[in-house]
Amino acid sequence: MLIPDLAIMTCPGLEATYYDSADLLMAVEIISPASRSHDKSLKRMLYAEAGGRYYLLVDPALRPSAATLYRLDGKEYVEIAVSKIGRLRFSEPFPVDIELV
């Protein structure tokens, strides 16, 4: 069982304690000093195995903060968006343009 920092689900209105991984659109993990390697490798692998379609990894330790969005391609994630100069932009699975501080 994984508990992301933020989960974007495909089942609006459903209130549950546990969700099926098939309903996970995007898992968002914010790297903390204690979990850096865990978030960057193990969690990414486990979310891919569970079928999470997108994985957003945010690193607030960098200045400006950095973020990378991955999309599931087969059984592995491929990088599809990387923040540049403190701004993250992507169009899938929905449009985002956000300033990272």
PDB file of N, CA and C in Angstrom:
ATOM      1  N   MET A   1       0.842  -1.173   0.000  1.00  0.00           N
ATOM      2  CA  MET A   1       0.000   0.000   0.000  1.00  0.00           C
ATOM      3  C   MET A   1       0.890   1.239   0.000  1.00  0.00           C
ATOM      4  N   LEU A   2       0.602   2.137  -0.924  1.00  0.00           N
ATOM      5  CA  LEU A   2       1.334   3.391  -1.026  1.00  0.00           C
ATOM      6  C   LEU A   2       0.415   4.547  -0.670  1.00  0.00           C
ATOM      7  N   ILE A   3       0.982   5.551  -0.037  1.00  0.00           N
ATOM      8  CA  ILE A   3       0.217   6.746   0.323  1.00  0.00           C
ATOM      9  C   ILE A   3       0.947   7.942  -0.283  1.00  0.00           C
ATOM     10  N   PRO A   4       0.463   8.422  -1.441  1.00  0.00           N
ATOM     11  CA  PRO A   4       1.125   9.572  -2.059  1.00  0.00           C
ATOM     12  C   PRO A   4       0.841  10.854  -1.279  1.00  0.00           C
ATOM     13  N   ASP A   5       1.652  11.876  -1.518  1.00  0.00           N
ATOM     14  CA  ASP A   5       1.396  13.168  -0.889  1.00  0.00           C
ATOM     15  C   ASP A   5       0.114  13.780  -1.441  1.00  0.00           C
ATOM     16  N   LEU A   6      -0.169  13.497  -2.700  1.00  0.00           N
ATOM     17  CA  LEU A   6      -1.402  13.937  -3.349  1.00  0.00           C
ATOM     18  C   LEU A   6      -1.779  12.880  -4.366  1.00  0.00           C
ATOM     19  N   ALA A   7      -3.046  12.517  -4.404  1.00  0.00           N
ATOM     20  CA  ALA A   7      -3.536  11.551  -5.388  1.00  0.00           C
ATOM     21  C   ALA A   7      -4.660  12.191  -6.185  1.00  0.00           C
ATOM     22  N   ILE A   8      -4.561  12.105  -7.498  1.00  0.00           N
ATOM     23  CA  ILE A   8      -5.622  12.574  -8.374  1.00  0.00           C
ATOM     24  C   ILE A   8      -6.298  11.332  -8.926  1.00  0.00           C
ATOM     25  N   MET A   9      -7.581  11.199  -8.592  1.00  0.00           N
ATOM     26  CA  MET A   9      -8.325   9.990  -8.909  1.00  0.00           C
ATOM     27  C   MET A   9      -9.263  10.211 -10.096  1.00  0.00           C
ATOM     28  N   THR A  10      -9.710   9.112 -10.667  1.00  0.00           N
ATOM     29  CA  THR A  10     -10.641   9.172 -11.795  1.00  0.00           C
ATOM     30  C   THR A  10     -12.081   8.932 -11.370  1.00  0.00           C
ATOM     31  N   CYS A  11     -12.332   8.905 -10.065  1.00  0.00           N
ATOM     32  CA  CYS A  11     -13.664   8.588  -9.548  1.00  0.00           C
ATOM     33  C   CYS A  11     -14.169   9.746  -8.676  1.00  0.00           C
ATOM     34  N   PRO A  12     -14.560  10.870  -9.317  1.00  0.00           N
ATOM     35  CA  PRO A  12     -14.997  12.025  -8.526  1.00  0.00           C
ATOM     36  C   PRO A  12     -16.211  11.693  -7.663  1.00  0.00           C
ATOM     37  N   GLY A  13     -16.200  12.255  -6.469  1.00  0.00           N
ATOM     38  CA  GLY A  13     -17.331  12.067  -5.564  1.00  0.00           C
ATOM     39  C   GLY A  13     -17.238  10.842  -4.683  1.00  0.00           C
ATOM     40  N   LEU A  14     -16.389   9.908  -5.020  1.00  0.00           N
ATOM     41  CA  LEU A  14     -16.244   8.703  -4.206  1.00  0.00           C
ATOM     42  C   LEU A  14     -15.418   9.042  -2.979  1.00  0.00           C
ATOM     43  N   GLU A  15     -15.973   8.806  -1.819  1.00  0.00           N
ATOM     44  CA  GLU A  15     -15.243   9.029  -0.577  1.00  0.00           C
ATOM     45  C   GLU A  15     -14.924   7.682   0.037  1.00  0.00           C
ATOM     46  N   ALA A  16     -13.649   7.373   0.099  1.00  0.00           N
ATOM     47  CA  ALA A  16     -13.216   6.084   0.621  1.00  0.00           C
ATOM     48  C   ALA A  16     -11.889   6.263   1.338  1.00  0.00           C
ATOM     49  N   THR A  17     -11.565   5.332   2.189  1.00  0.00           N
ATOM     50  CA  THR A  17     -10.282   5.342   2.865  1.00  0.00           C
ATOM     51  C   THR A  17      -9.208   4.764   1.951  1.00  0.00           C
ATOM     52  N   TYR A  18      -9.567   3.727   1.210  1.00  0.00           N
ATOM     53  CA  TYR A  18      -8.654   3.069   0.283  1.00  0.00           C
ATOM     54  C   TYR A  18      -9.268   3.097  -1.103  1.00  0.00           C
ATOM     55  N   TYR A  19      -8.435   3.314  -2.098  1.00  0.00           N
ATOM     56  CA  TYR A  19      -8.886   3.350  -3.481  1.00  0.00           C
ATOM     57  C   TYR A  19      -8.178   2.262  -4.272  1.00  0.00           C
ATOM     58  N   ASP A  20      -8.821   1.800  -5.308  1.00  0.00           N
ATOM     59  CA  ASP A  20      -8.230   0.826  -6.210  1.00  0.00           C
ATOM     60  C   ASP A  20      -7.188   1.544  -7.071  1.00  0.00           C
ATOM     61  N   SER A  21      -6.059   0.912  -7.300  1.00  0.00           N
ATOM     62  CA  SER A  21      -5.009   1.552  -8.098  1.00  0.00           C
ATOM     63  C   SER A  21      -5.473   1.844  -9.524  1.00  0.00           C
ATOM     64  N   ALA A  22      -6.473   1.140 -10.007  1.00  0.00           N
ATOM     65  CA  ALA A  22      -7.003   1.404 -11.350  1.00  0.00           C
ATOM     66  C   ALA A  22      -7.655   2.782 -11.433  1.00  0.00           C
ATOM     67  N   ASP A  23      -8.047   3.338 -10.283  1.00  0.00           N
ATOM     68  CA  ASP A  23      -8.681   4.658 -10.245  1.00  0.00           C
ATOM     69  C   ASP A  23      -7.672   5.791 -10.071  1.00  0.00           C
ATOM     70  N   LEU A  24      -6.394   5.466  -9.961  1.00  0.00           N
ATOM     71  CA  LEU A  24      -5.357   6.474  -9.757  1.00  0.00           C
ATOM     72  C   LEU A  24      -4.922   7.060 -11.093  1.00  0.00           C
ATOM     73  N   LEU A  25      -5.184   8.338 -11.292  1.00  0.00           N
ATOM     74  CA  LEU A  25      -4.728   9.020 -12.499  1.00  0.00           C
ATOM     75  C   LEU A  25      -3.296   9.518 -12.312  1.00  0.00           C
ATOM     76  N   MET A  26      -3.046  10.184 -11.172  1.00  0.00           N
ATOM     77  CA  MET A  26      -1.711  10.729 -10.931  1.00  0.00           C
ATOM     78  C   MET A  26      -1.367  10.650  -9.449  1.00  0.00           C
ATOM     79  N   ALA A  27      -0.189  10.134  -9.181  1.00  0.00           N
ATOM     80  CA  ALA A  27       0.365  10.168  -7.830  1.00  0.00           C
ATOM     81  C   ALA A  27       1.390  11.281  -7.794  1.00  0.00           C
ATOM     82  N   VAL A  28       1.330  12.096  -6.754  1.00  0.00           N
ATOM     83  CA  VAL A  28       2.282  13.188  -6.587  1.00  0.00           C
ATOM     84  C   VAL A  28       3.069  12.929  -5.312  1.00  0.00           C
ATOM     85  N   GLU A  29       4.378  12.930  -5.453  1.00  0.00           N
ATOM     86  CA  GLU A  29       5.257  12.762  -4.306  1.00  0.00           C
ATOM     87  C   GLU A  29       6.148  13.987  -4.189  1.00  0.00           C
ATOM     88  N   ILE A  30       6.222  14.541  -2.991  1.00  0.00           N
ATOM     89  CA  ILE A  30       7.102  15.652  -2.689  1.00  0.00           C
ATOM     90  C   ILE A  30       8.268  15.081  -1.897  1.00  0.00           C
ATOM     91  N   ILE A  31       9.439  15.181  -2.470  1.00  0.00           N
ATOM     92  CA  ILE A  31      10.620  14.564  -1.865  1.00  0.00           C
ATOM     93  C   ILE A  31      10.947  15.235  -0.541  1.00  0.00           C
ATOM     94  N   SER A  32      11.158  14.408   0.468  1.00  0.00           N
ATOM     95  CA  SER A  32      11.631  14.920   1.751  1.00  0.00           C
ATOM     96  C   SER A  32      13.038  14.364   1.968  1.00  0.00           C
ATOM     97  N   PRO A  33      13.834  15.021   2.784  1.00  0.00           N
ATOM     98  CA  PRO A  33      15.209  14.543   2.990  1.00  0.00           C
ATOM     99  C   PRO A  33      15.277  13.087   3.444  1.00  0.00           C
ATOM    100  N   ALA A  34      14.338  12.660   4.249  1.00  0.00           N
ATOM    101  CA  ALA A  34      14.367  11.299   4.773  1.00  0.00           C
ATOM    102  C   ALA A  34      13.946  10.251   3.754  1.00  0.00           C
ATOM    103  N   SER A  35      13.243  10.676   2.686  1.00  0.00           N
ATOM    104  CA  SER A  35      12.726   9.690   1.730  1.00  0.00           C
ATOM    105  C   SER A  35      13.217   9.928   0.303  1.00  0.00           C
ATOM    106  N   ARG A  36      14.266  10.702   0.128  1.00  0.00           N
ATOM    107  CA  ARG A  36      14.747  11.089  -1.214  1.00  0.00           C
ATOM    108  C   ARG A  36      14.904   9.889  -2.149  1.00  0.00           C
ATOM    109  N   SER A  37      15.707   8.912  -1.804  1.00  0.00           N
ATOM    110  CA  SER A  37      15.935   7.778  -2.710  1.00  0.00           C
ATOM    111  C   SER A  37      14.686   6.917  -2.841  1.00  0.00           C
ATOM    112  N   HIS A  38      13.918   6.808  -1.773  1.00  0.00           N
ATOM    113  CA  HIS A  38      12.679   6.028  -1.791  1.00  0.00           C
ATOM    114  C   HIS A  38      11.688   6.631  -2.791  1.00  0.00           C
ATOM    115  N   ASP A  39      11.494   7.960  -2.758  1.00  0.00           N
ATOM    116  CA  ASP A  39      10.557   8.634  -3.655  1.00  0.00           C
ATOM    117  C   ASP A  39      11.034   8.602  -5.103  1.00  0.00           C
ATOM    118  N   LYS A  40      12.346   8.764  -5.323  1.00  0.00           N
ATOM    119  CA  LYS A  40      12.875   8.855  -6.681  1.00  0.00           C
ATOM    120  C   LYS A  40      12.950   7.514  -7.393  1.00  0.00           C
ATOM    121  N   SER A  41      13.047   6.425  -6.672  1.00  0.00           N
ATOM    122  CA  SER A  41      13.202   5.135  -7.350  1.00  0.00           C
ATOM    123  C   SER A  41      12.157   4.104  -6.942  1.00  0.00           C
ATOM    124  N   LEU A  42      12.129   3.736  -5.671  1.00  0.00           N
ATOM    125  CA  LEU A  42      11.242   2.648  -5.251  1.00  0.00           C
ATOM    126  C   LEU A  42       9.774   2.994  -5.441  1.00  0.00           C
ATOM    127  N   LYS A  43       9.352   4.155  -4.968  1.00  0.00           N
ATOM    128  CA  LYS A  43       7.937   4.515  -5.115  1.00  0.00           C
ATOM    129  C   LYS A  43       7.553   4.626  -6.585  1.00  0.00           C
ATOM    130  N   ARG A  44       8.430   5.197  -7.386  1.00  0.00           N
ATOM    131  CA  ARG A  44       8.149   5.310  -8.819  1.00  0.00           C
ATOM    132  C   ARG A  44       7.932   3.930  -9.431  1.00  0.00           C
ATOM    133  N   MET A  45       8.778   2.975  -9.073  1.00  0.00           N
ATOM    134  CA  MET A  45       8.639   1.615  -9.575  1.00  0.00           C
ATOM    135  C   MET A  45       7.334   0.969  -9.087  1.00  0.00           C
ATOM    136  N   LEU A  46       7.003   1.169  -7.815  1.00  0.00           N
ATOM    137  CA  LEU A  46       5.789   0.563  -7.264  1.00  0.00           C
ATOM    138  C   LEU A  46       4.519   1.168  -7.869  1.00  0.00           C
ATOM    139  N   TYR A  47       4.495   2.479  -8.086  1.00  0.00           N
ATOM    140  CA  TYR A  47       3.340   3.094  -8.741  1.00  0.00           C
ATOM    141  C   TYR A  47       3.194   2.572 -10.164  1.00  0.00           C
ATOM    142  N   ALA A  48       4.304   2.381 -10.862  1.00  0.00           N
ATOM    143  CA  ALA A  48       4.250   1.833 -12.224  1.00  0.00           C
ATOM    144  C   ALA A  48       3.691   0.414 -12.205  1.00  0.00           C
ATOM    145  N   GLU A  49       4.162  -0.402 -11.267  1.00  0.00           N
ATOM    146  CA  GLU A  49       3.658  -1.769 -11.155  1.00  0.00           C
ATOM    147  C   GLU A  49       2.161  -1.797 -10.854  1.00  0.00           C
ATOM    148  N   ALA A  50       1.693  -0.811 -10.102  1.00  0.00           N
ATOM    149  CA  ALA A  50       0.263  -0.741  -9.754  1.00  0.00           C
ATOM    150  C   ALA A  50      -0.578  -0.179 -10.900  1.00  0.00           C
ATOM    151  N   GLY A  51       0.079   0.385 -11.917  1.00  0.00           N
ATOM    152  CA  GLY A  51      -0.657   0.903 -13.068  1.00  0.00           C
ATOM    153  C   GLY A  51      -1.038   2.366 -12.968  1.00  0.00           C
ATOM    154  N   GLY A  52      -0.407   3.105 -12.045  1.00  0.00           N
ATOM    155  CA  GLY A  52      -0.675   4.536 -11.942  1.00  0.00           C
ATOM    156  C   GLY A  52      -0.258   5.220 -13.238  1.00  0.00           C
ATOM    157  N   ARG A  53      -1.168   5.909 -13.893  1.00  0.00           N
ATOM    158  CA  ARG A  53      -0.898   6.430 -15.237  1.00  0.00           C
ATOM    159  C   ARG A  53       0.135   7.553 -15.273  1.00  0.00           C
ATOM    160  N   TYR A  54       0.159   8.390 -14.222  1.00  0.00           N
ATOM    161  CA  TYR A  54       1.107   9.509 -14.172  1.00  0.00           C
ATOM    162  C   TYR A  54       1.726   9.579 -12.784  1.00  0.00           C
ATOM    163  N   TYR A  55       2.976  10.038 -12.752  1.00  0.00           N
ATOM    164  CA  TYR A  55       3.702  10.191 -11.502  1.00  0.00           C
ATOM    165  C   TYR A  55       4.408  11.535 -11.551  1.00  0.00           C
ATOM    166  N   LEU A  56       4.088  12.405 -10.607  1.00  0.00           N
ATOM    167  CA  LEU A  56       4.706  13.722 -10.535  1.00  0.00           C
ATOM    168  C   LEU A  56       5.609  13.760  -9.315  1.00  0.00           C
ATOM    169  N   LEU A  57       6.882  14.032  -9.548  1.00  0.00           N
ATOM    170  CA  LEU A  57       7.870  14.073  -8.479  1.00  0.00           C
ATOM    171  C   LEU A  57       8.334  15.508  -8.303  1.00  0.00           C
ATOM    172  N   VAL A  58       8.151  16.046  -7.110  1.00  0.00           N
ATOM    173  CA  VAL A  58       8.487  17.438  -6.808  1.00  0.00           C
ATOM    174  C   VAL A  58       9.655  17.449  -5.826  1.00  0.00           C
ATOM    175  N   ASP A  59      10.657  18.265  -6.141  1.00  0.00           N
ATOM    176  CA  ASP A  59      11.827  18.376  -5.276  1.00  0.00           C
ATOM    177  C   ASP A  59      11.930  19.812  -4.744  1.00  0.00           C
ATOM    178  N   PRO A  60      11.435  20.056  -3.517  1.00  0.00           N
ATOM    179  CA  PRO A  60      11.469  21.402  -2.954  1.00  0.00           C
ATOM    180  C   PRO A  60      12.838  21.811  -2.424  1.00  0.00           C
ATOM    181  N   ALA A  61      13.802  20.893  -2.386  1.00  0.00           N
ATOM    182  CA  ALA A  61      15.127  21.221  -1.869  1.00  0.00           C
ATOM    183  C   ALA A  61      15.930  22.040  -2.874  1.00  0.00           C
ATOM    184  N   LEU A  62      15.584  21.951  -4.136  1.00  0.00           N
ATOM    185  CA  LEU A  62      16.293  22.717  -5.162  1.00  0.00           C
ATOM    186  C   LEU A  62      15.755  24.131  -5.188  1.00  0.00           C
ATOM    187  N   ARG A  63      16.564  25.070  -5.674  1.00  0.00           N
ATOM    188  CA  ARG A  63      16.131  26.463  -5.791  1.00  0.00           C
ATOM    189  C   ARG A  63      16.295  26.936  -7.212  1.00  0.00           C
ATOM    190  N   PRO A  64      15.238  27.262  -7.941  1.00  0.00           N
ATOM    191  CA  PRO A  64      13.862  27.090  -7.490  1.00  0.00           C
ATOM    192  C   PRO A  64      13.499  25.607  -7.417  1.00  0.00           C
ATOM    193  N   SER A  65      12.382  25.325  -6.758  1.00  0.00           N
ATOM    194  CA  SER A  65      11.917  23.941  -6.665  1.00  0.00           C
ATOM    195  C   SER A  65      11.799  23.350  -8.062  1.00  0.00           C
ATOM    196  N   ALA A  66      11.938  22.046  -8.161  1.00  0.00           N
ATOM    197  CA  ALA A  66      11.894  21.361  -9.451  1.00  0.00           C
ATOM    198  C   ALA A  66      10.821  20.281  -9.426  1.00  0.00           C
ATOM    199  N   ALA A  67      10.319  19.950 -10.607  1.00  0.00           N
ATOM    200  CA  ALA A  67       9.317  18.897 -10.717  1.00  0.00           C
ATOM    201  C   ALA A  67       9.472  18.189 -12.054  1.00  0.00           C
ATOM    202  N   THR A  68       9.168  16.892 -12.040  1.00  0.00           N
ATOM    203  CA  THR A  68       9.206  16.083 -13.251  1.00  0.00           C
ATOM    204  C   THR A  68       7.936  15.255 -13.317  1.00  0.00           C
ATOM    205  N   LEU A  69       7.298  15.262 -14.489  1.00  0.00           N
ATOM    206  CA  LEU A  69       6.094  14.458 -14.698  1.00  0.00           C
ATOM    207  C   LEU A  69       6.456  13.269 -15.574  1.00  0.00           C
ATOM    208  N   TYR A  70       5.991  12.096 -15.145  1.00  0.00           N
ATOM    209  CA  TYR A  70       6.220  10.854 -15.875  1.00  0.00           C
ATOM    210  C   TYR A  70       4.876  10.275 -16.300  1.00  0.00           C
ATOM    211  N   ARG A  71       4.858   9.617 -17.461  1.00  0.00           N
ATOM    212  CA  ARG A  71       3.666   8.906 -17.942  1.00  0.00           C
ATOM    213  C   ARG A  71       4.015   7.427 -18.051  1.00  0.00           C
ATOM    214  N   LEU A  72       3.080   6.583 -17.667  1.00  0.00           N
ATOM    215  CA  LEU A  72       3.294   5.150 -17.756  1.00  0.00           C
ATOM    216  C   LEU A  72       3.282   4.725 -19.219  1.00  0.00           C
ATOM    217  N   ASP A  73       4.334   4.045 -19.626  1.00  0.00           N
ATOM    218  CA  ASP A  73       4.463   3.537 -20.991  1.00  0.00           C
ATOM    219  C   ASP A  73       4.798   2.060 -20.862  1.00  0.00           C
ATOM    220  N   GLY A  74       3.802   1.231 -21.018  1.00  0.00           N
ATOM    221  CA  GLY A  74       4.004  -0.198 -20.775  1.00  0.00           C
ATOM    222  C   GLY A  74       4.099  -0.427 -19.281  1.00  0.00           C
ATOM    223  N   LYS A  75       5.262  -0.857 -18.834  1.00  0.00           N
ATOM    224  CA  LYS A  75       5.463  -1.130 -17.409  1.00  0.00           C
ATOM    225  C   LYS A  75       6.406  -0.150 -16.743  1.00  0.00           C
ATOM    226  N   GLU A  76       6.832   0.881 -17.484  1.00  0.00           N
ATOM    227  CA  GLU A  76       7.776   1.853 -16.939  1.00  0.00           C
ATOM    228  C   GLU A  76       7.287   3.267 -17.201  1.00  0.00           C
ATOM    229  N   TYR A  77       7.776   4.185 -16.382  1.00  0.00           N
ATOM    230  CA  TYR A  77       7.469   5.593 -16.585  1.00  0.00           C
ATOM    231  C   TYR A  77       8.481   6.222 -17.534  1.00  0.00           C
ATOM    232  N   VAL A  78       7.965   7.096 -18.394  1.00  0.00           N
ATOM    233  CA  VAL A  78       8.822   7.899 -19.253  1.00  0.00           C
ATOM    234  C   VAL A  78       8.594   9.363 -18.892  1.00  0.00           C
ATOM    235  N   GLU A  79       9.648  10.126 -18.912  1.00  0.00           N
ATOM    236  CA  GLU A  79       9.588  11.547 -18.573  1.00  0.00           C
ATOM    237  C   GLU A  79       8.875  12.298 -19.702  1.00  0.00           C
ATOM    238  N   ILE A  80       7.858  13.105 -19.336  1.00  0.00           N
ATOM    239  CA  ILE A  80       7.156  13.870 -20.373  1.00  0.00           C
ATOM    240  C   ILE A  80       7.184  15.379 -20.119  1.00  0.00           C
ATOM    241  N   ALA A  81       7.534  15.805 -18.912  1.00  0.00           N
ATOM    242  CA  ALA A  81       7.630  17.243 -18.631  1.00  0.00           C
ATOM    243  C   ALA A  81       8.592  17.464 -17.475  1.00  0.00           C
ATOM    244  N   VAL A  82       9.415  18.509 -17.619  1.00  0.00           N
ATOM    245  CA  VAL A  82      10.376  18.883 -16.578  1.00  0.00           C
ATOM    246  C   VAL A  82      10.252  20.380 -16.364  1.00  0.00           C
ATOM    247  N   SER A  83      10.269  20.792 -15.109  1.00  0.00           N
ATOM    248  CA  SER A  83      10.177  22.223 -14.823  1.00  0.00           C
ATOM    249  C   SER A  83      11.430  22.927 -15.342  1.00  0.00           C
ATOM    250  N   LYS A  84      11.229  24.143 -15.774  1.00  0.00           N
ATOM    251  CA  LYS A  84      12.330  24.970 -16.262  1.00  0.00           C
ATOM    252  C   LYS A  84      12.234  26.326 -15.593  1.00  0.00           C
ATOM    253  N   ILE A  85      13.316  26.741 -14.971  1.00  0.00           N
ATOM    254  CA  ILE A  85      13.419  28.039 -14.302  1.00  0.00           C
ATOM    255  C   ILE A  85      12.229  28.254 -13.356  1.00  0.00           C
ATOM    256  N   GLY A  86      11.882  27.223 -12.605  1.00  0.00           N
ATOM    257  CA  GLY A  86      10.844  27.354 -11.594  1.00  0.00           C
ATOM    258  C   GLY A  86       9.415  27.293 -12.103  1.00  0.00           C
ATOM    259  N   ARG A  87       9.212  26.845 -13.336  1.00  0.00           N
ATOM    260  CA  ARG A  87       7.860  26.753 -13.881  1.00  0.00           C
ATOM    261  C   ARG A  87       7.664  25.358 -14.475  1.00  0.00           C
ATOM    262  N   LEU A  88       6.519  24.758 -14.151  1.00  0.00           N
ATOM    263  CA  LEU A  88       6.167  23.446 -14.696  1.00  0.00           C
ATOM    264  C   LEU A  88       4.959  23.613 -15.602  1.00  0.00           C
ATOM    265  N   ARG A  89       5.103  23.136 -16.829  1.00  0.00           N
ATOM    266  CA  ARG A  89       4.006  23.181 -17.801  1.00  0.00           C
ATOM    267  C   ARG A  89       3.832  21.806 -18.415  1.00  0.00           C
ATOM    268  N   PHE A  90       2.590  21.360 -18.505  1.00  0.00           N
ATOM    269  CA  PHE A  90       2.279  20.151 -19.265  1.00  0.00           C
ATOM    270  C   PHE A  90       0.826  20.204 -19.711  1.00  0.00           C
ATOM    271  N   SER A  91       0.504  19.403 -20.722  1.00  0.00           N
ATOM    272  CA  SER A  91      -0.854  19.415 -21.274  1.00  0.00           C
ATOM    273  C   SER A  91      -1.607  18.121 -21.035  1.00  0.00           C
ATOM    274  N   GLU A  92      -0.922  17.081 -20.636  1.00  0.00           N
ATOM    275  CA  GLU A  92      -1.612  15.837 -20.329  1.00  0.00           C
ATOM    276  C   GLU A  92      -1.266  15.392 -18.917  1.00  0.00           C
ATOM    277  N   PRO A  93      -2.166  14.845 -18.219  1.00  0.00           N
ATOM    278  CA  PRO A  93      -3.532  14.442 -18.576  1.00  0.00           C
ATOM    279  C   PRO A  93      -4.527  15.610 -18.557  1.00  0.00           C
ATOM    280  N   PHE A  94      -4.051  16.775 -18.153  1.00  0.00           N
ATOM    281  CA  PHE A  94      -4.844  18.007 -18.159  1.00  0.00           C
ATOM    282  C   PHE A  94      -3.843  19.156 -18.193  1.00  0.00           C
ATOM    283  N   PRO A  95      -4.252  20.326 -18.675  1.00  0.00           N
ATOM    284  CA  PRO A  95      -3.283  21.418 -18.778  1.00  0.00           C
ATOM    285  C   PRO A  95      -2.884  21.991 -17.424  1.00  0.00           C
ATOM    286  N   VAL A  96      -1.580  22.187 -17.248  1.00  0.00           N
ATOM    287  CA  VAL A  96      -1.034  22.773 -16.021  1.00  0.00           C
ATOM    288  C   VAL A  96       0.055  23.763 -16.394  1.00  0.00           C
ATOM    289  N   ASP A  97       0.036  24.891 -15.737  1.00  0.00           N
ATOM    290  CA  ASP A  97       1.106  25.882 -15.843  1.00  0.00           C
ATOM    291  C   ASP A  97       1.237  26.473 -14.438  1.00  0.00           C
ATOM    292  N   ILE A  98       2.263  26.043 -13.725  1.00  0.00           N
ATOM    293  CA  ILE A  98       2.389  26.414 -12.318  1.00  0.00           C
ATOM    294  C   ILE A  98       3.799  26.889 -12.015  1.00  0.00           C
ATOM    295  N   GLU A  99       3.879  27.905 -11.194  1.00  0.00           N
ATOM    296  CA  GLU A  99       5.174  28.411 -10.736  1.00  0.00           C
ATOM    297  C   GLU A  99       5.566  27.658  -9.472  1.00  0.00           C
ATOM    298  N   LEU A 100       6.769  27.145  -9.467  1.00  0.00           N
ATOM    299  CA  LEU A 100       7.294  26.419  -8.311  1.00  0.00           C
ATOM    300  C   LEU A 100       8.147  27.388  -7.508  1.00  0.00           C
ATOM    301  N   VAL A 101       7.935  27.465  -6.227  1.00  0.00           N
ATOM    302  CA  VAL A 101       8.717  28.377  -5.383  1.00  0.00           C
ATOM    303  C   VAL A 101       9.561  27.594  -4.415  1.00  0.00           C
TER     304      VAL A 101
END
